[in-house]
């Protein structure tokens, strides 16, 4: 029969066994992670330094998210502008070389090509990344431009009755460039406010101040549309001015190239600044993480030595427990 002493001894051994197991698990974790589990003991109850490091790391993680987003936006804009510029320059020289003696088939071919490239430009401007349109200002859920069919229908009405090249050009200038005119009310469907700046670091922000109603983009769309409109049957413009219109469109596209190059250079500068800031942020985060690791580092030799000691203690407790159980059985059998 077990006595009260036997029960007390068994309880004491189980308590020791539980405590030693807990200590062994703690030491095993510290060896595998390289960090102490009891942070409070390590910092002496003063968490200010550790909290400061963690606050800075959390802040830098927010900046990392912002730089990733800014990079995505800038890369997308660079791709869009490159596509529009390439389409425009593919048309510019052939259109600029049109003369009054150019064959009608040549003019028709260029007009059809201009219409196709106009559609490609609008499609590029309307592209979405992760469900967002980056040329729509703050209205990123909205495609910034109406489709090419809508544009051509509106322009046919705008030039109706015009019989001179100067009149047609003036009508398109008014439609595209007048504040509150056709482009603003029919073609552009984005917001009037630019995308909000993104905070990249304590001292750096990314300002994405480009929309599809930018004057340079309007100018390219206008001249490409002019080339397509020149021989458009529904527009019904006089045959005698068609060559002049296409040549004017080509010259307009050539002159717009510098503007597009300027926009792309602006985005390129932004991309470089984002990358530089990202590298600086990552370096700071790495330094802070290292400082935190040093603060919480578990001494591998001391921890391993302590683990050996605890394992020996656990083996001793197991042995005592087994001996106690055997003695209890013998006492029972007597």
Protein backbone atom coordinates (compact mmCIF):
# COMPACT_ATOMS: atom_id res chain seq x y z
CA UNK A 1 0.00 0.00 0.00
CA UNK A 2 1.26 3.50 -0.91
CA UNK A 3 1.81 5.76 2.03
CA UNK A 4 1.32 9.51 2.11
CA UNK A 5 5.08 9.81 1.91
CA UNK A 6 5.13 7.79 -1.30
CA UNK A 7 2.42 9.97 -2.82
CA UNK A 8 4.23 13.14 -1.82
CA UNK A 9 7.50 11.86 -3.24
CA UNK A 10 5.78 10.90 -6.50
CA UNK A 11 4.15 14.32 -6.76
CA UNK A 12 7.47 16.04 -6.10
CA UNK A 13 9.17 14.00 -8.81
CA UNK A 14 6.44 14.80 -11.33
CA UNK A 15 6.73 18.52 -10.55
CA UNK A 16 10.50 18.36 -11.04
CA UNK A 17 10.05 16.40 -14.23
CA UNK A 18 7.59 18.98 -15.65
CA UNK A 19 9.85 21.88 -14.72
CA UNK A 20 12.92 20.26 -16.21
CA UNK A 21 11.06 19.38 -19.42
CA UNK A 22 9.91 22.97 -19.73
CA UNK A 23 13.46 24.23 -19.23
CA UNK A 24 14.81 21.74 -21.78
CA UNK A 25 12.23 22.81 -24.38
CA UNK A 26 13.17 26.44 -23.75
CA UNK A 27 16.88 25.76 -24.18
CA UNK A 28 16.28 23.65 -27.30
CA UNK A 29 14.30 26.51 -28.84
CA UNK A 30 17.03 29.02 -27.96
CA UNK A 31 19.67 26.83 -29.61
CA UNK A 32 17.59 26.48 -32.80
CA UNK A 33 16.62 30.17 -33.04
CA UNK A 34 19.76 31.68 -31.56
CA UNK A 35 17.65 34.00 -29.40
CA UNK A 36 16.60 33.95 -25.77
CA UNK A 37 12.95 33.27 -25.06
CA UNK A 38 12.72 35.37 -21.94
CA UNK A 39 13.22 38.82 -23.42
CA UNK A 40 12.26 40.54 -20.20
CA UNK A 41 15.05 38.83 -18.31
CA UNK A 42 17.57 39.68 -21.02
CA UNK A 43 16.73 43.41 -21.06
CA UNK A 44 16.29 43.59 -17.32
CA UNK A 45 12.65 44.56 -17.65
CA UNK A 46 13.55 47.70 -19.65
CA UNK A 47 11.96 47.20 -23.10
CA UNK A 48 12.57 50.73 -24.39
CA UNK A 49 15.52 49.89 -26.63
CA UNK A 50 13.88 46.76 -27.98
CA UNK A 51 10.56 48.58 -28.55
CA UNK A 52 12.39 51.38 -30.37
CA UNK A 53 14.06 48.90 -32.70
CA UNK A 54 10.78 47.11 -33.38
CA UNK A 55 8.99 50.42 -34.04
CA UNK A 56 11.64 51.38 -36.60
CA UNK A 57 11.42 47.97 -38.28
CA UNK A 58 7.63 48.26 -38.49
CA UNK A 59 7.97 51.73 -40.01
CA UNK A 60 10.49 50.45 -42.57
CA UNK A 61 8.16 47.58 -43.47
CA UNK A 62 5.52 50.20 -44.30
CA UNK A 63 8.04 52.02 -46.48
CA UNK A 64 8.92 48.74 -48.19
CA UNK A 65 5.26 48.24 -49.11
CA UNK A 66 5.13 51.80 -50.48
CA UNK A 67 8.31 51.35 -52.56
CA UNK A 68 6.95 48.12 -54.04
CA UNK A 69 3.74 49.91 -55.02
CA UNK A 70 5.62 52.94 -56.36
CA UNK A 71 7.89 50.68 -58.42
CA UNK A 72 4.86 48.92 -59.89
CA UNK A 73 3.22 52.22 -60.82
CA UNK A 74 6.38 53.72 -62.32
CA UNK A 75 7.18 50.57 -64.31
CA UNK A 76 3.62 50.43 -65.64
CA UNK A 77 3.69 54.10 -66.66
CA UNK A 78 7.05 53.65 -68.36
CA UNK A 79 5.66 50.73 -70.36
CA UNK A 80 2.55 52.69 -71.36
CA UNK A 81 4.50 55.75 -72.44
CA UNK A 82 6.95 53.60 -74.37
CA UNK A 83 4.10 51.92 -76.25
CA UNK A 84 2.44 55.23 -77.12
CA UNK A 85 5.72 56.77 -78.23
CA UNK A 86 6.62 53.79 -80.38
CA UNK A 87 3.21 53.81 -82.08
CA UNK A 88 3.42 57.56 -82.72
CA UNK A 89 6.94 57.50 -84.14
CA UNK A 90 6.14 54.57 -86.44
CA UNK A 91 3.57 56.85 -88.08
CA UNK A 92 5.35 60.19 -87.89
CA UNK A 93 7.87 59.96 -90.74
CA UNK A 94 5.57 58.29 -93.32
CA UNK A 95 2.85 60.87 -92.63
CA UNK A 96 5.24 63.80 -92.73
CA UNK A 97 6.37 62.70 -96.21
CA UNK A 98 2.86 62.77 -97.69
CA UNK A 99 2.37 65.36 -100.43
CA UNK A 100 -0.52 66.53 -102.56
CA UNK A 101 0.78 64.13 -105.25
CA UNK A 102 0.69 61.04 -103.00
CA UNK A 103 -1.56 58.32 -104.37
CA UNK A 104 -4.98 57.88 -102.75
CA UNK A 105 -4.08 54.30 -101.87
CA UNK A 106 -1.05 55.55 -99.94
CA UNK A 107 -3.23 58.01 -98.00
CA UNK A 108 -5.87 55.38 -97.30
CA UNK A 109 -3.24 52.91 -96.11
CA UNK A 110 -1.73 55.49 -93.77
CA UNK A 111 -5.19 56.47 -92.49
CA UNK A 112 -6.03 52.85 -91.72
CA UNK A 113 -2.69 52.37 -90.02
CA UNK A 114 -3.25 55.53 -87.99
CA UNK A 115 -6.66 54.27 -86.86
CA UNK A 116 -5.15 50.94 -85.79
CA UNK A 117 -2.32 52.61 -83.94
CA UNK A 118 -4.75 55.05 -82.32
CA UNK A 119 -6.67 52.09 -80.93
CA UNK A 120 -3.42 50.56 -79.67
CA UNK A 121 -2.47 53.82 -77.95
CA UNK A 122 -5.82 54.06 -76.20
CA UNK A 123 -5.60 50.41 -75.21
CA UNK A 124 -2.14 51.00 -73.71
CA UNK A 125 -3.31 54.05 -71.76
CA UNK A 126 -6.30 52.08 -70.45
CA UNK A 127 -4.25 49.10 -69.28
CA UNK A 128 -4.85 48.02 -65.71
CA UNK A 129 -2.38 46.53 -63.26
CA UNK A 130 -3.80 44.66 -60.28
CA UNK A 131 -7.19 46.10 -61.17
CA UNK A 132 -5.98 49.71 -61.13
CA UNK A 133 -5.61 52.30 -63.91
CA UNK A 134 -2.63 54.51 -63.14
CA UNK A 135 -3.46 57.28 -65.63
CA UNK A 136 -6.92 57.96 -64.18
CA UNK A 137 -5.72 60.10 -61.28
CA UNK A 138 -7.43 59.16 -58.03
CA UNK A 139 -10.17 57.25 -59.88
CA UNK A 140 -8.01 54.17 -60.40
CA UNK A 141 -11.03 51.90 -60.78
CA UNK A 142 -12.02 53.75 -63.97
CA UNK A 143 -10.38 53.41 -67.41
CA UNK A 144 -9.06 56.88 -68.26
CA UNK A 145 -10.11 57.04 -71.92
CA UNK A 146 -13.21 56.20 -73.94
CA UNK A 147 -12.68 53.81 -76.85
CA UNK A 148 -11.44 54.71 -80.31
CA UNK A 149 -14.92 54.36 -81.85
CA UNK A 150 -16.32 56.99 -79.48
CA UNK A 151 -13.42 59.31 -80.29
CA UNK A 152 -13.81 59.04 -84.05
CA UNK A 153 -17.58 59.56 -83.88
CA UNK A 154 -17.08 62.75 -81.86
CA UNK A 155 -14.37 64.05 -84.17
CA UNK A 156 -16.48 63.51 -87.28
CA UNK A 157 -19.08 65.80 -85.73
CA UNK A 158 -16.40 68.30 -84.73
CA UNK A 159 -15.08 68.71 -88.30
CA UNK A 160 -18.44 68.54 -90.05
CA UNK A 161 -18.68 71.29 -92.66
CA UNK A 162 -14.96 72.12 -92.64
CA UNK A 163 -13.47 72.43 -96.12
CA UNK A 164 -9.97 73.73 -95.41
CA UNK A 165 -7.05 72.06 -93.67
CA UNK A 166 -6.75 75.06 -91.35
CA UNK A 167 -10.39 74.72 -90.37
CA UNK A 168 -10.07 71.00 -89.65
CA UNK A 169 -6.93 71.50 -87.56
CA UNK A 170 -8.55 74.34 -85.63
CA UNK A 171 -11.63 72.20 -84.94
CA UNK A 172 -9.49 69.40 -83.56
CA UNK A 173 -7.42 71.85 -81.50
CA UNK A 174 -10.61 73.19 -79.95
CA UNK A 175 -12.00 69.71 -79.27
CA UNK A 176 -8.82 68.35 -77.67
CA UNK A 177 -7.31 71.39 -75.99
CA UNK A 178 -10.14 73.63 -74.76
CA UNK A 179 -10.80 73.32 -71.03
CA UNK A 180 -14.17 71.68 -70.63
CA UNK A 181 -14.19 70.79 -74.35
CA UNK A 182 -14.84 67.48 -76.05
CA UNK A 183 -11.77 65.70 -74.71
CA UNK A 184 -12.51 66.68 -71.12
CA UNK A 185 -16.21 65.86 -71.24
CA UNK A 186 -16.31 62.84 -73.57
CA UNK A 187 -12.91 61.25 -73.96
CA UNK A 188 -11.24 61.57 -70.56
CA UNK A 189 -13.04 59.58 -67.87
CA UNK A 190 -10.52 59.61 -65.03
CA UNK A 191 -10.28 61.89 -62.02
CA UNK A 192 -9.13 65.48 -61.93
CA UNK A 193 -6.80 64.88 -58.98
CA UNK A 194 -3.42 63.17 -59.26
CA UNK A 195 -2.62 59.97 -57.41
CA UNK A 196 -1.67 60.62 -53.80
CA UNK A 197 2.06 60.76 -53.10
CA UNK A 198 3.61 57.64 -51.60
CA UNK A 199 5.88 58.04 -48.58
CA UNK A 200 9.05 56.06 -49.34
CA UNK A 201 11.12 57.09 -46.32
CA UNK A 202 11.36 59.83 -43.72
CA UNK A 203 12.64 62.22 -46.38
CA UNK A 204 11.47 60.79 -49.72
CA UNK A 205 8.08 60.67 -51.43
CA UNK A 206 7.00 59.43 -54.86
CA UNK A 207 4.78 61.95 -56.65
CA UNK A 208 2.82 60.30 -59.47
CA UNK A 209 1.51 63.42 -61.20
CA UNK A 210 0.63 62.04 -64.63
CA UNK A 211 -2.84 61.46 -66.07
CA UNK A 212 -4.23 60.56 -69.49
CA UNK A 213 -5.35 64.17 -69.97
CA UNK A 214 -1.71 65.33 -69.99
CA UNK A 215 -1.13 67.83 -72.84
CA UNK A 216 1.59 65.68 -74.43
CA UNK A 217 -0.65 62.62 -74.56
CA UNK A 218 -3.53 64.72 -75.90
CA UNK A 219 -1.28 66.06 -78.63
CA UNK A 220 -0.27 62.59 -79.78
CA UNK A 221 -3.85 61.33 -79.77
CA UNK A 222 -4.96 64.44 -81.64
CA UNK A 223 -2.42 64.12 -84.44
CA UNK A 224 -2.92 60.37 -84.79
CA UNK A 225 -6.68 60.91 -85.00
CA UNK A 226 -6.14 63.67 -87.58
CA UNK A 227 -4.23 61.24 -89.81
CA UNK A 228 -7.03 58.66 -89.53
CA UNK A 229 -9.74 61.25 -90.07
CA UNK A 230 -8.19 62.68 -93.26
CA UNK A 231 -9.56 60.01 -95.61
CA UNK A 232 -12.42 58.81 -93.40
CA UNK A 233 -15.51 58.37 -95.59
CA UNK A 234 -17.91 59.33 -92.80
CA UNK A 235 -16.02 62.56 -92.14
CA UNK A 236 -16.24 63.43 -95.85
CA UNK A 237 -13.31 65.84 -95.91
CA UNK A 238 -12.32 67.21 -99.35
CA UNK A 239 -9.81 65.11 -101.27
CA UNK A 240 -7.75 68.22 -101.96
CA UNK A 241 -6.87 68.74 -98.27
CA UNK A 242 -6.31 65.14 -97.24
CA UNK A 243 -2.57 65.16 -98.03
CA UNK A 244 -2.10 68.43 -96.13
CA UNK A 245 -3.91 66.99 -93.10
CA UNK A 246 -1.81 63.85 -93.00
CA UNK A 247 1.41 65.77 -93.46
CA UNK A 248 0.39 68.13 -90.64
CA UNK A 249 -0.38 65.10 -88.47
CA UNK A 250 3.06 63.63 -89.17
CA UNK A 251 4.80 66.90 -88.34
CA UNK A 252 2.76 67.13 -85.16
CA UNK A 253 3.80 63.64 -84.10
CA UNK A 254 7.44 64.40 -84.82
CA UNK A 255 7.33 67.55 -82.69
CA UNK A 256 5.52 65.67 -79.88
CA UNK A 257 8.38 63.20 -79.57
CA UNK A 258 10.44 65.50 -77.35
CA UNK A 259 7.50 65.86 -74.99
CA UNK A 260 7.10 62.10 -74.71
CA UNK A 261 10.81 61.67 -74.14
CA UNK A 262 10.56 64.24 -71.36
CA UNK A 263 7.69 62.37 -69.69
CA UNK A 264 9.59 59.09 -69.85
CA UNK A 265 12.73 60.75 -68.46
CA UNK A 266 10.68 62.09 -65.56
CA UNK A 267 9.38 58.60 -64.81
CA UNK A 268 12.89 57.19 -65.23
CA UNK A 269 14.23 59.65 -62.65
CA UNK A 270 11.46 58.59 -60.29
CA UNK A 271 12.30 54.91 -60.84
CA UNK A 272 15.95 55.55 -59.97
CA UNK A 273 14.99 57.47 -56.82
CA UNK A 274 12.63 54.70 -55.72
CA UNK A 275 15.37 52.12 -56.17
CA UNK A 276 17.93 54.19 -54.25
CA UNK A 277 15.47 54.74 -51.40
CA UNK A 278 14.57 51.05 -51.33
CA UNK A 279 18.24 50.07 -51.05
CA UNK A 280 18.78 52.57 -48.22
CA UNK A 281 15.69 51.30 -46.39
CA UNK A 282 16.79 47.68 -46.71
CA UNK A 283 20.24 48.56 -45.37
CA UNK A 284 18.71 50.32 -42.36
CA UNK A 285 16.33 47.42 -41.72
CA UNK A 286 19.23 44.95 -41.89
CA UNK A 287 21.21 47.02 -39.40
CA UNK A 288 18.27 47.24 -37.00
CA UNK A 289 17.55 43.52 -37.26
CA UNK A 290 21.19 42.79 -36.46
CA UNK A 291 21.03 45.11 -33.44
CA UNK A 292 17.90 43.29 -32.21
CA UNK A 293 19.56 39.92 -32.72
CA UNK A 294 22.60 41.04 -30.73
CA UNK A 295 20.36 42.30 -27.95
CA UNK A 296 18.46 39.01 -27.75
CA UNK A 297 21.23 36.64 -28.79
CA UNK A 298 21.52 33.42 -26.82
CA UNK A 299 25.11 32.38 -26.04
CA UNK A 300 25.39 29.07 -27.94
CA UNK A 301 28.07 27.59 -25.68
CA UNK A 302 26.36 28.58 -22.45
CA UNK A 303 22.99 27.36 -23.75
CA UNK A 304 24.40 24.03 -24.93
CA UNK A 305 26.14 23.52 -21.59
CA UNK A 306 22.98 24.31 -19.70
CA UNK A 307 21.00 21.92 -21.96
CA UNK A 308 23.42 19.08 -21.13
CA UNK A 309 22.98 19.81 -17.46
CA UNK A 310 19.17 19.83 -17.76
CA UNK A 311 19.18 16.59 -19.75
CA UNK A 312 21.23 14.97 -16.96
CA UNK A 313 18.77 16.27 -14.39
CA UNK A 314 15.85 14.86 -16.40
CA UNK A 315 17.57 11.46 -16.63
CA UNK A 316 18.10 11.53 -12.87
CA UNK A 317 14.44 12.31 -12.22
CA UNK A 318 13.38 9.49 -14.56
CA UNK A 319 15.64 7.10 -12.69
CA UNK A 320 14.28 8.19 -9.31
CA UNK A 321 10.73 7.90 -10.59
CA UNK A 322 11.35 4.37 -11.86
CA UNK A 323 13.00 3.34 -8.56
CA UNK A 324 10.12 4.81 -6.59
CA UNK A 325 7.61 2.90 -8.72
CA UNK A 326 9.48 -0.39 -8.19
CA UNK A 327 9.63 0.14 -4.43
CA UNK A 328 5.90 0.91 -4.36
CA UNK A 329 5.17 -2.31 -6.25
CA UNK A 330 7.29 -4.38 -3.85
CA UNK A 331 5.53 -2.80 -0.90
CA UNK A 332 2.19 -3.68 -2.47
CA UNK A 333 3.20 -7.31 -3.08
CA UNK A 334 4.28 -7.96 0.51
